[in-house]
Amino acid sequence: MKYDIVRWAVVIFMSLLMFGCSSIRARTEIANKEWTVYPGIQEDLKDTDELFSGKNSEPGWIKGVMTTIYIVDLPFSTVFDTVVMPYDMYRMYTPKHIGEAR
């Protein structure tokens, strides 16, 4: 019984640490040509769609946990993406190598 409580506490703690994860993960996986505004929200929606469209063969309980994490992460990703939108716009409209284009 005590082991179950500790296990759930660890799961909840790890879930809390992952808030905003989609925004950070989306920015580290994007190539310079594909940079967009609000990539964290797009990543959350894409991952949730993959869970429900059958592209992932995960067990049902994992789909439930991951969907919950994505839905809880969505407002945090929205805030984070809004705060860093000027940087996203800079990355979209600035060439990758400014000094090398001579």
PDB file of N, CA and C in Angstrom:
ATOM      1  N   MET A   1       0.816  -1.194   0.000  1.00  0.00           N
ATOM      2  CA  MET A   1       0.000   0.000   0.000  1.00  0.00           C
ATOM      3  C   MET A   1       0.862   1.261   0.000  1.00  0.00           C
ATOM      4  N   LYS A   2       1.860   1.272   0.877  1.00  0.00           N
ATOM      5  CA  LYS A   2       2.731   2.428   0.950  1.00  0.00           C
ATOM      6  C   LYS A   2       3.534   2.594  -0.340  1.00  0.00           C
ATOM      7  N   TYR A   3       3.892   1.465  -0.980  1.00  0.00           N
ATOM      8  CA  TYR A   3       4.637   1.500  -2.234  1.00  0.00           C
ATOM      9  C   TYR A   3       3.805   2.147  -3.335  1.00  0.00           C
ATOM     10  N   ASP A   4       2.503   1.883  -3.370  1.00  0.00           N
ATOM     11  CA  ASP A   4       1.626   2.482  -4.379  1.00  0.00           C
ATOM     12  C   ASP A   4       1.545   3.998  -4.219  1.00  0.00           C
ATOM     13  N   ILE A   5       1.497   4.471  -2.996  1.00  0.00           N
ATOM     14  CA  ILE A   5       1.419   5.913  -2.751  1.00  0.00           C
ATOM     15  C   ILE A   5       2.709   6.588  -3.207  1.00  0.00           C
ATOM     16  N   VAL A   6       3.845   5.970  -2.900  1.00  0.00           N
ATOM     17  CA  VAL A   6       5.121   6.534  -3.325  1.00  0.00           C
ATOM     18  C   VAL A   6       5.223   6.531  -4.845  1.00  0.00           C
ATOM     19  N   ARG A   7       4.773   5.467  -5.471  1.00  0.00           N
ATOM     20  CA  ARG A   7       4.837   5.383  -6.933  1.00  0.00           C
ATOM     21  C   ARG A   7       3.980   6.469  -7.568  1.00  0.00           C
ATOM     22  N   TRP A   8       2.767   6.665  -7.065  1.00  0.00           N
ATOM     23  CA  TRP A   8       1.913   7.704  -7.623  1.00  0.00           C
ATOM     24  C   TRP A   8       2.466   9.096  -7.346  1.00  0.00           C
ATOM     25  N   ALA A   9       3.091   9.282  -6.200  1.00  0.00           N
ATOM     26  CA  ALA A   9       3.697  10.574  -5.890  1.00  0.00           C
ATOM     27  C   ALA A   9       4.831  10.875  -6.873  1.00  0.00           C
ATOM     28  N   VAL A  10       5.621   9.862  -7.213  1.00  0.00           N
ATOM     29  CA  VAL A  10       6.698  10.042  -8.182  1.00  0.00           C
ATOM     30  C   VAL A  10       6.125  10.368  -9.556  1.00  0.00           C
ATOM     31  N   VAL A  11       5.059   9.678  -9.959  1.00  0.00           N
ATOM     32  CA  VAL A  11       4.441   9.937 -11.260  1.00  0.00           C
ATOM     33  C   VAL A  11       3.899  11.366 -11.320  1.00  0.00           C
ATOM     34  N   ILE A  12       3.245  11.800 -10.278  1.00  0.00           N
ATOM     35  CA  ILE A  12       2.690  13.158 -10.246  1.00  0.00           C
ATOM     36  C   ILE A  12       3.818  14.189 -10.241  1.00  0.00           C
ATOM     37  N   PHE A  13       4.870  13.934  -9.475  1.00  0.00           N
ATOM     38  CA  PHE A  13       6.000  14.858  -9.430  1.00  0.00           C
ATOM     39  C   PHE A  13       6.675  14.968 -10.787  1.00  0.00           C
ATOM     40  N   MET A  14       6.887  13.855 -11.446  1.00  0.00           N
ATOM     41  CA  MET A  14       7.509  13.872 -12.767  1.00  0.00           C
ATOM     42  C   MET A  14       6.609  14.574 -13.777  1.00  0.00           C
ATOM     43  N   SER A  15       5.310  14.396 -13.661  1.00  0.00           N
ATOM     44  CA  SER A  15       4.380  15.081 -14.555  1.00  0.00           C
ATOM     45  C   SER A  15       4.452  16.595 -14.360  1.00  0.00           C
ATOM     46  N   LEU A  16       4.566  17.027 -13.115  1.00  0.00           N
ATOM     47  CA  LEU A  16       4.679  18.459 -12.849  1.00  0.00           C
ATOM     48  C   LEU A  16       5.971  19.029 -13.414  1.00  0.00           C
ATOM     49  N   LEU A  17       7.038  18.245 -13.416  1.00  0.00           N
ATOM     50  CA  LEU A  17       8.298  18.709 -13.972  1.00  0.00           C
ATOM     51  C   LEU A  17       8.245  18.854 -15.488  1.00  0.00           C
ATOM     52  N   MET A  18       7.339  18.153 -16.117  1.00  0.00           N
ATOM     53  CA  MET A  18       7.286  18.161 -17.575  1.00  0.00           C
ATOM     54  C   MET A  18       6.419  19.273 -18.145  1.00  0.00           C
ATOM     55  N   PHE A  19       5.816  20.124 -17.300  1.00  0.00           N
ATOM     56  CA  PHE A  19       5.025  21.233 -17.828  1.00  0.00           C
ATOM     57  C   PHE A  19       5.907  22.115 -18.682  1.00  0.00           C
ATOM     58  N   GLY A  20       5.429  22.475 -19.847  1.00  0.00           N
ATOM     59  CA  GLY A  20       6.212  23.283 -20.770  1.00  0.00           C
ATOM     60  C   GLY A  20       7.165  22.460 -21.611  1.00  0.00           C
ATOM     61  N   CYS A  21       7.138  21.170 -21.415  1.00  0.00           N
ATOM     62  CA  CYS A  21       8.070  20.282 -22.104  1.00  0.00           C
ATOM     63  C   CYS A  21       7.874  20.342 -23.617  1.00  0.00           C
ATOM     64  N   SER A  22       6.663  20.427 -24.086  1.00  0.00           N
ATOM     65  CA  SER A  22       6.416  20.434 -25.528  1.00  0.00           C
ATOM     66  C   SER A  22       7.005  21.669 -26.196  1.00  0.00           C
ATOM     67  N   SER A  23       6.953  22.792 -25.517  1.00  0.00           N
ATOM     68  CA  SER A  23       7.526  24.011 -26.089  1.00  0.00           C
ATOM     69  C   SER A  23       9.033  23.895 -26.216  1.00  0.00           C
ATOM     70  N   ILE A  24       9.657  23.380 -25.207  1.00  0.00           N
ATOM     71  CA  ILE A  24      11.116  23.231 -25.242  1.00  0.00           C
ATOM     72  C   ILE A  24      11.509  22.149 -26.232  1.00  0.00           C
ATOM     73  N   ARG A  25      10.800  21.027 -26.201  1.00  0.00           N
ATOM     74  CA  ARG A  25      11.112  19.927 -27.114  1.00  0.00           C
ATOM     75  C   ARG A  25      10.910  20.342 -28.565  1.00  0.00           C
ATOM     76  N   ALA A  26       9.856  21.098 -28.843  1.00  0.00           N
ATOM     77  CA  ALA A  26       9.583  21.529 -30.224  1.00  0.00           C
ATOM     78  C   ALA A  26      10.687  22.440 -30.740  1.00  0.00           C
ATOM     79  N   ARG A  27      11.215  23.294 -29.885  1.00  0.00           N
ATOM     80  CA  ARG A  27      12.264  24.213 -30.323  1.00  0.00           C
ATOM     81  C   ARG A  27      13.605  23.519 -30.522  1.00  0.00           C
ATOM     82  N   THR A  28      13.846  22.429 -29.841  1.00  0.00           N
ATOM     83  CA  THR A  28      15.118  21.728 -30.022  1.00  0.00           C
ATOM     84  C   THR A  28      15.084  20.771 -31.205  1.00  0.00           C
ATOM     85  N   GLU A  29      13.898  20.400 -31.666  1.00  0.00           N
ATOM     86  CA  GLU A  29      13.773  19.459 -32.778  1.00  0.00           C
ATOM     87  C   GLU A  29      13.504  20.131 -34.113  1.00  0.00           C
ATOM     88  N   ILE A  30      13.347  21.454 -34.131  1.00  0.00           N
ATOM     89  CA  ILE A  30      12.977  22.168 -35.355  1.00  0.00           C
ATOM     90  C   ILE A  30      14.226  22.554 -36.134  1.00  0.00           C
ATOM     91  N   ALA A  31      14.192  22.286 -37.419  1.00  0.00           N
ATOM     92  CA  ALA A  31      15.251  22.797 -38.296  1.00  0.00           C
ATOM     93  C   ALA A  31      14.981  24.274 -38.567  1.00  0.00           C
ATOM     94  N   ASN A  32      16.001  25.019 -38.966  1.00  0.00           N
ATOM     95  CA  ASN A  32      15.838  26.466 -39.159  1.00  0.00           C
ATOM     96  C   ASN A  32      14.811  26.810 -40.228  1.00  0.00           C
ATOM     97  N   LYS A  33      14.668  25.997 -41.253  1.00  0.00           N
ATOM     98  CA  LYS A  33      13.715  26.298 -42.316  1.00  0.00           C
ATOM     99  C   LYS A  33      12.275  26.075 -41.875  1.00  0.00           C
ATOM    100  N   GLU A  34      12.070  25.268 -40.845  1.00  0.00           N
ATOM    101  CA  GLU A  34      10.716  24.908 -40.417  1.00  0.00           C
ATOM    102  C   GLU A  34      10.266  25.663 -39.174  1.00  0.00           C
ATOM    103  N   TRP A  35      10.959  26.705 -38.771  1.00  0.00           N
ATOM    104  CA  TRP A  35      10.635  27.414 -37.544  1.00  0.00           C
ATOM    105  C   TRP A  35       9.275  28.082 -37.673  1.00  0.00           C
ATOM    106  N   THR A  36       8.423  27.931 -36.671  1.00  0.00           N
ATOM    107  CA  THR A  36       7.084  28.508 -36.694  1.00  0.00           C
ATOM    108  C   THR A  36       6.797  29.210 -35.378  1.00  0.00           C
ATOM    109  N   VAL A  37       5.666  29.890 -35.335  1.00  0.00           N
ATOM    110  CA  VAL A  37       5.188  30.503 -34.110  1.00  0.00           C
ATOM    111  C   VAL A  37       4.308  29.478 -33.391  1.00  0.00           C
ATOM    112  N   TYR A  38       4.377  29.443 -32.074  1.00  0.00           N
ATOM    113  CA  TYR A  38       3.633  28.511 -31.228  1.00  0.00           C
ATOM    114  C   TYR A  38       3.935  27.039 -31.553  1.00  0.00           C
ATOM    115  N   PRO A  39       5.200  26.643 -31.593  1.00  0.00           N
ATOM    116  CA  PRO A  39       5.506  25.248 -31.902  1.00  0.00           C
ATOM    117  C   PRO A  39       5.146  24.289 -30.771  1.00  0.00           C
ATOM    118  N   GLY A  40       5.112  24.755 -29.524  1.00  0.00           N
ATOM    119  CA  GLY A  40       4.760  23.881 -28.410  1.00  0.00           C
ATOM    120  C   GLY A  40       3.319  23.428 -28.477  1.00  0.00           C
ATOM    121  N   ILE A  41       2.431  24.350 -28.838  1.00  0.00           N
ATOM    122  CA  ILE A  41       1.017  24.001 -28.980  1.00  0.00           C
ATOM    123  C   ILE A  41       0.840  23.039 -30.145  1.00  0.00           C
ATOM    124  N   GLN A  42       1.526  23.308 -31.230  1.00  0.00           N
ATOM    125  CA  GLN A  42       1.436  22.401 -32.382  1.00  0.00           C
ATOM    126  C   GLN A  42       1.941  21.012 -32.028  1.00  0.00           C
ATOM    127  N   GLU A  43       2.996  20.944 -31.229  1.00  0.00           N
ATOM    128  CA  GLU A  43       3.547  19.657 -30.809  1.00  0.00           C
ATOM    129  C   GLU A  43       2.558  18.909 -29.913  1.00  0.00           C
ATOM    130  N   ASP A  44       1.923  19.630 -28.963  1.00  0.00           N
ATOM    131  CA  ASP A  44       0.915  19.002 -28.100  1.00  0.00           C
ATOM    132  C   ASP A  44      -0.228  18.428 -28.930  1.00  0.00           C
ATOM    133  N   LEU A  45      -0.734  19.217 -29.858  1.00  0.00           N
ATOM    134  CA  LEU A  45      -1.862  18.761 -30.667  1.00  0.00           C
ATOM    135  C   LEU A  45      -1.473  17.598 -31.580  1.00  0.00           C
ATOM    136  N   LYS A  46      -0.268  17.651 -32.147  1.00  0.00           N
ATOM    137  CA  LYS A  46       0.197  16.569 -33.011  1.00  0.00           C
ATOM    138  C   LYS A  46       0.350  15.268 -32.218  1.00  0.00           C
ATOM    139  N   ASP A  47       0.936  15.368 -31.022  1.00  0.00           N
ATOM    140  CA  ASP A  47       1.126  14.174 -30.203  1.00  0.00           C
ATOM    141  C   ASP A  47      -0.202  13.585 -29.735  1.00  0.00           C
ATOM    142  N   THR A  48      -1.148  14.443 -29.374  1.00  0.00           N
ATOM    143  CA  THR A  48      -2.465  13.958 -28.966  1.00  0.00           C
ATOM    144  C   THR A  48      -3.179  13.302 -30.137  1.00  0.00           C
ATOM    145  N   ASP A  49      -3.057  13.884 -31.325  1.00  0.00           N
ATOM    146  CA  ASP A  49      -3.665  13.293 -32.513  1.00  0.00           C
ATOM    147  C   ASP A  49      -3.057  11.928 -32.818  1.00  0.00           C
ATOM    148  N   GLU A  50      -1.749  11.798 -32.665  1.00  0.00           N
ATOM    149  CA  GLU A  50      -1.094  10.506 -32.914  1.00  0.00           C
ATOM    150  C   GLU A  50      -1.573   9.435 -31.942  1.00  0.00           C
ATOM    151  N   LEU A  51      -1.861   9.830 -30.701  1.00  0.00           N
ATOM    152  CA  LEU A  51      -2.353   8.858 -29.731  1.00  0.00           C
ATOM    153  C   LEU A  51      -3.724   8.321 -30.118  1.00  0.00           C
ATOM    154  N   PHE A  52      -4.599   9.204 -30.593  1.00  0.00           N
ATOM    155  CA  PHE A  52      -5.967   8.795 -30.881  1.00  0.00           C
ATOM    156  C   PHE A  52      -6.181   8.282 -32.296  1.00  0.00           C
ATOM    157  N   SER A  53      -5.264   8.567 -33.199  1.00  0.00           N
ATOM    158  CA  SER A  53      -5.438   8.109 -34.581  1.00  0.00           C
ATOM    159  C   SER A  53      -4.910   6.699 -34.792  1.00  0.00           C
ATOM    160  N   GLY A  54      -4.285   6.127 -33.793  1.00  0.00           N
ATOM    161  CA  GLY A  54      -3.790   4.763 -33.906  1.00  0.00           C
ATOM    162  C   GLY A  54      -2.376   4.672 -34.448  1.00  0.00           C
ATOM    163  N   LYS A  55      -1.676   5.788 -34.575  1.00  0.00           N
ATOM    164  CA  LYS A  55      -0.304   5.758 -35.070  1.00  0.00           C
ATOM    165  C   LYS A  55       0.655   5.194 -34.020  1.00  0.00           C
ATOM    166  N   ASN A  56       0.266   5.304 -32.744  1.00  0.00           N
ATOM    167  CA  ASN A  56       1.053   4.724 -31.653  1.00  0.00           C
ATOM    168  C   ASN A  56       0.354   3.465 -31.159  1.00  0.00           C
ATOM    169  N   SER A  57       1.117   2.450 -30.870  1.00  0.00           N
ATOM    170  CA  SER A  57       0.529   1.197 -30.392  1.00  0.00           C
ATOM    171  C   SER A  57       0.717   1.055 -28.892  1.00  0.00           C
ATOM    172  N   GLU A  58       0.540   2.138 -28.172  1.00  0.00           N
ATOM    173  CA  GLU A  58       0.689   2.124 -26.721  1.00  0.00           C
ATOM    174  C   GLU A  58      -0.556   1.513 -26.080  1.00  0.00           C
ATOM    175  N   PRO A  59      -0.400   0.933 -24.892  1.00  0.00           N
ATOM    176  CA  PRO A  59      -1.580   0.447 -24.157  1.00  0.00           C
ATOM    177  C   PRO A  59      -2.511   1.592 -23.789  1.00  0.00           C
ATOM    178  N   GLY A  60      -3.748   1.263 -23.516  1.00  0.00           N
ATOM    179  CA  GLY A  60      -4.765   2.277 -23.241  1.00  0.00           C
ATOM    180  C   GLY A  60      -4.452   3.165 -22.057  1.00  0.00           C
ATOM    181  N   TRP A  61      -3.895   2.589 -20.994  1.00  0.00           N
ATOM    182  CA  TRP A  61      -3.634   3.406 -19.806  1.00  0.00           C
ATOM    183  C   TRP A  61      -2.524   4.413 -20.073  1.00  0.00           C
ATOM    184  N   ILE A  62      -1.562   4.061 -20.922  1.00  0.00           N
ATOM    185  CA  ILE A  62      -0.501   5.019 -21.266  1.00  0.00           C
ATOM    186  C   ILE A  62      -1.085   6.149 -22.118  1.00  0.00           C
ATOM    187  N   LYS A  63      -1.997   5.801 -23.020  1.00  0.00           N
ATOM    188  CA  LYS A  63      -2.654   6.849 -23.820  1.00  0.00           C
ATOM    189  C   LYS A  63      -3.394   7.826 -22.914  1.00  0.00           C
ATOM    190  N   GLY A  64      -4.061   7.302 -21.885  1.00  0.00           N
ATOM    191  CA  GLY A  64      -4.773   8.164 -20.948  1.00  0.00           C
ATOM    192  C   GLY A  64      -3.841   9.083 -20.184  1.00  0.00           C
ATOM    193  N   VAL A  65      -2.720   8.539 -19.704  1.00  0.00           N
ATOM    194  CA  VAL A  65      -1.761   9.347 -18.962  1.00  0.00           C
ATOM    195  C   VAL A  65      -1.131  10.403 -19.867  1.00  0.00           C
ATOM    196  N   MET A  66      -0.726   9.995 -21.060  1.00  0.00           N
ATOM    197  CA  MET A  66      -0.082  10.941 -21.975  1.00  0.00           C
ATOM    198  C   MET A  66      -1.053  12.024 -22.432  1.00  0.00           C
ATOM    199  N   THR A  67      -2.295  11.648 -22.700  1.00  0.00           N
ATOM    200  CA  THR A  67      -3.292  12.644 -23.092  1.00  0.00           C
ATOM    201  C   THR A  67      -3.504  13.651 -21.977  1.00  0.00           C
ATOM    202  N   THR A  68      -3.572  13.174 -20.745  1.00  0.00           N
ATOM    203  CA  THR A  68      -3.730  14.074 -19.606  1.00  0.00           C
ATOM    204  C   THR A  68      -2.545  15.028 -19.509  1.00  0.00           C
ATOM    205  N   ILE A  69      -1.336  14.508 -19.692  1.00  0.00           N
ATOM    206  CA  ILE A  69      -0.145  15.360 -19.633  1.00  0.00           C
ATOM    207  C   ILE A  69      -0.177  16.407 -20.741  1.00  0.00           C
ATOM    208  N   TYR A  70      -0.558  15.996 -21.953  1.00  0.00           N
ATOM    209  CA  TYR A  70      -0.601  16.951 -23.065  1.00  0.00           C
ATOM    210  C   TYR A  70      -1.657  18.029 -22.831  1.00  0.00           C
ATOM    211  N   ILE A  71      -2.807  17.639 -22.311  1.00  0.00           N
ATOM    212  CA  ILE A  71      -3.871  18.618 -22.076  1.00  0.00           C
ATOM    213  C   ILE A  71      -3.496  19.566 -20.946  1.00  0.00           C
ATOM    214  N   VAL A  72      -2.877  19.046 -19.885  1.00  0.00           N
ATOM    215  CA  VAL A  72      -2.445  19.909 -18.786  1.00  0.00           C
ATOM    216  C   VAL A  72      -1.305  20.817 -19.246  1.00  0.00           C
ATOM    217  N   ASP A  73      -0.458  20.323 -20.134  1.00  0.00           N
ATOM    218  CA  ASP A  73       0.678  21.088 -20.637  1.00  0.00           C
ATOM    219  C   ASP A  73       0.261  22.191 -21.603  1.00  0.00           C
ATOM    220  N   LEU A  74      -0.889  22.067 -22.219  1.00  0.00           N
ATOM    221  CA  LEU A  74      -1.321  23.011 -23.249  1.00  0.00           C
ATOM    222  C   LEU A  74      -1.359  24.471 -22.771  1.00  0.00           C
ATOM    223  N   PRO A  75      -1.958  24.800 -21.616  1.00  0.00           N
ATOM    224  CA  PRO A  75      -1.930  26.209 -21.182  1.00  0.00           C
ATOM    225  C   PRO A  75      -0.517  26.711 -20.879  1.00  0.00           C
ATOM    226  N   PHE A  76       0.317  25.848 -20.316  1.00  0.00           N
ATOM    227  CA  PHE A  76       1.690  26.254 -20.014  1.00  0.00           C
ATOM    228  C   PHE A  76       2.481  26.479 -21.304  1.00  0.00           C
ATOM    229  N   SER A  77       2.254  25.629 -22.292  1.00  0.00           N
ATOM    230  CA  SER A  77       2.907  25.809 -23.582  1.00  0.00           C
ATOM    231  C   SER A  77       2.425  27.092 -24.247  1.00  0.00           C
ATOM    232  N   THR A  78       1.151  27.396 -24.092  1.00  0.00           N
ATOM    233  CA  THR A  78       0.603  28.630 -24.666  1.00  0.00           C
ATOM    234  C   THR A  78       1.287  29.853 -24.068  1.00  0.00           C
ATOM    235  N   VAL A  79       1.434  29.872 -22.758  1.00  0.00           N
ATOM    236  CA  VAL A  79       2.078  31.010 -22.093  1.00  0.00           C
ATOM    237  C   VAL A  79       3.548  31.091 -22.501  1.00  0.00           C
ATOM    238  N   PHE A  80       4.245  29.962 -22.468  1.00  0.00           N
ATOM    239  CA  PHE A  80       5.668  29.953 -22.823  1.00  0.00           C
ATOM    240  C   PHE A  80       5.865  30.383 -24.272  1.00  0.00           C
ATOM    241  N   ASP A  81       5.039  29.852 -25.180  1.00  0.00           N
ATOM    242  CA  ASP A  81       5.163  30.212 -26.593  1.00  0.00           C
ATOM    243  C   ASP A  81       4.867  31.686 -26.831  1.00  0.00           C
ATOM    244  N   THR A  82       3.931  32.254 -26.066  1.00  0.00           N
ATOM    245  CA  THR A  82       3.616  33.670 -26.204  1.00  0.00           C
ATOM    246  C   THR A  82       4.769  34.534 -25.717  1.00  0.00           C
ATOM    247  N   VAL A  83       5.397  34.131 -24.627  1.00  0.00           N
ATOM    248  CA  VAL A  83       6.515  34.904 -24.084  1.00  0.00           C
ATOM    249  C   VAL A  83       7.703  34.894 -25.039  1.00  0.00           C
ATOM    250  N   VAL A  84       7.971  33.775 -25.675  1.00  0.00           N
ATOM    251  CA  VAL A  84       9.139  33.685 -26.554  1.00  0.00           C
ATOM    252  C   VAL A  84       8.792  33.929 -28.026  1.00  0.00           C
ATOM    253  N   MET A  85       7.599  34.430 -28.301  1.00  0.00           N
ATOM    254  CA  MET A  85       7.214  34.709 -29.686  1.00  0.00           C
ATOM    255  C   MET A  85       8.143  35.705 -30.379  1.00  0.00           C
ATOM    256  N   PRO A  86       8.632  36.759 -29.719  1.00  0.00           N
ATOM    257  CA  PRO A  86       9.588  37.636 -30.420  1.00  0.00           C
ATOM    258  C   PRO A  86      10.834  36.882 -30.896  1.00  0.00           C
ATOM    259  N   TYR A  87      11.315  35.953 -30.093  1.00  0.00           N
ATOM    260  CA  TYR A  87      12.461  35.152 -30.510  1.00  0.00           C
ATOM    261  C   TYR A  87      12.095  34.267 -31.693  1.00  0.00           C
ATOM    262  N   ASP A  88      10.901  33.675 -31.654  1.00  0.00           N
ATOM    263  CA  ASP A  88      10.458  32.847 -32.779  1.00  0.00           C
ATOM    264  C   ASP A  88      10.373  33.667 -34.066  1.00  0.00           C
ATOM    265  N   MET A  89       9.847  34.879 -33.965  1.00  0.00           N
ATOM    266  CA  MET A  89       9.741  35.743 -35.136  1.00  0.00           C
ATOM    267  C   MET A  89      11.139  36.107 -35.653  1.00  0.00           C
ATOM    268  N   TYR A  90      12.059  36.374 -34.747  1.00  0.00           N
ATOM    269  CA  TYR A  90      13.433  36.661 -35.130  1.00  0.00           C
ATOM    270  C   TYR A  90      14.036  35.477 -35.886  1.00  0.00           C
ATOM    271  N   ARG A  91      13.828  34.271 -35.368  1.00  0.00           N
ATOM    272  CA  ARG A  91      14.374  33.076 -36.014  1.00  0.00           C
ATOM    273  C   ARG A  91      13.731  32.822 -37.381  1.00  0.00           C
ATOM    274  N   MET A  92      12.464  33.156 -37.519  1.00  0.00           N
ATOM    275  CA  MET A  92      11.777  32.928 -38.786  1.00  0.00           C
ATOM    276  C   MET A  92      12.255  33.868 -39.880  1.00  0.00           C
ATOM    277  N   TYR A  93      12.536  35.123 -39.522  1.00  0.00           N
ATOM    278  CA  TYR A  93      12.818  36.137 -40.534  1.00  0.00           C
ATOM    279  C   TYR A  93      14.273  36.568 -40.591  1.00  0.00           C
ATOM    280  N   THR A  94      15.162  35.894 -39.887  1.00  0.00           N
ATOM    281  CA  THR A  94      16.577  36.203 -39.931  1.00  0.00           C
ATOM    282  C   THR A  94      17.311  35.026 -40.563  1.00  0.00           C
ATOM    283  N   PRO A  95      18.148  35.305 -41.551  1.00  0.00           N
ATOM    284  CA  PRO A  95      18.913  34.203 -42.149  1.00  0.00           C
ATOM    285  C   PRO A  95      19.805  33.525 -41.097  1.00  0.00           C
ATOM    286  N   LYS A  96      20.077  32.262 -41.336  1.00  0.00           N
ATOM    287  CA  LYS A  96      20.841  31.477 -40.362  1.00  0.00           C
ATOM    288  C   LYS A  96      22.251  32.033 -40.180  1.00  0.00           C
ATOM    289  N   HIS A  97      22.925  32.332 -41.251  1.00  0.00           N
ATOM    290  CA  HIS A  97      24.297  32.820 -41.176  1.00  0.00           C
ATOM    291  C   HIS A  97      24.339  34.236 -41.747  1.00  0.00           C
ATOM    292  N   ILE A  98      24.160  35.224 -40.894  1.00  0.00           N
ATOM    293  CA  ILE A  98      24.104  36.614 -41.364  1.00  0.00           C
ATOM    294  C   ILE A  98      25.454  37.073 -41.881  1.00  0.00           C
ATOM    295  N   GLY A  99      26.526  36.791 -41.163  1.00  0.00           N
ATOM    296  CA  GLY A  99      27.847  37.276 -41.535  1.00  0.00           C
ATOM    297  C   GLY A  99      28.466  36.555 -42.722  1.00  0.00           C
ATOM    298  N   GLU A 100      27.993  35.367 -43.072  1.00  0.00           N
ATOM    299  CA  GLU A 100      28.601  34.587 -44.144  1.00  0.00           C
ATOM    300  C   GLU A 100      28.053  34.928 -45.513  1.00  0.00           C
ATOM    301  N   ALA A 101      26.959  35.654 -45.604  1.00  0.00           N
ATOM    302  CA  ALA A 101      26.342  35.982 -46.906  1.00  0.00           C
ATOM    303  C   ALA A 101      27.009  37.225 -47.485  1.00  0.00           C
ATOM    304  N   ARG A 102      28.157  37.041 -48.087  1.00  0.00           N
ATOM    305  CA  ARG A 102      28.868  38.187 -48.695  1.00  0.00           C
ATOM    306  C   ARG A 102      29.096  37.973 -50.142  1.00  0.00           C
TER     307      ARG A 102
END
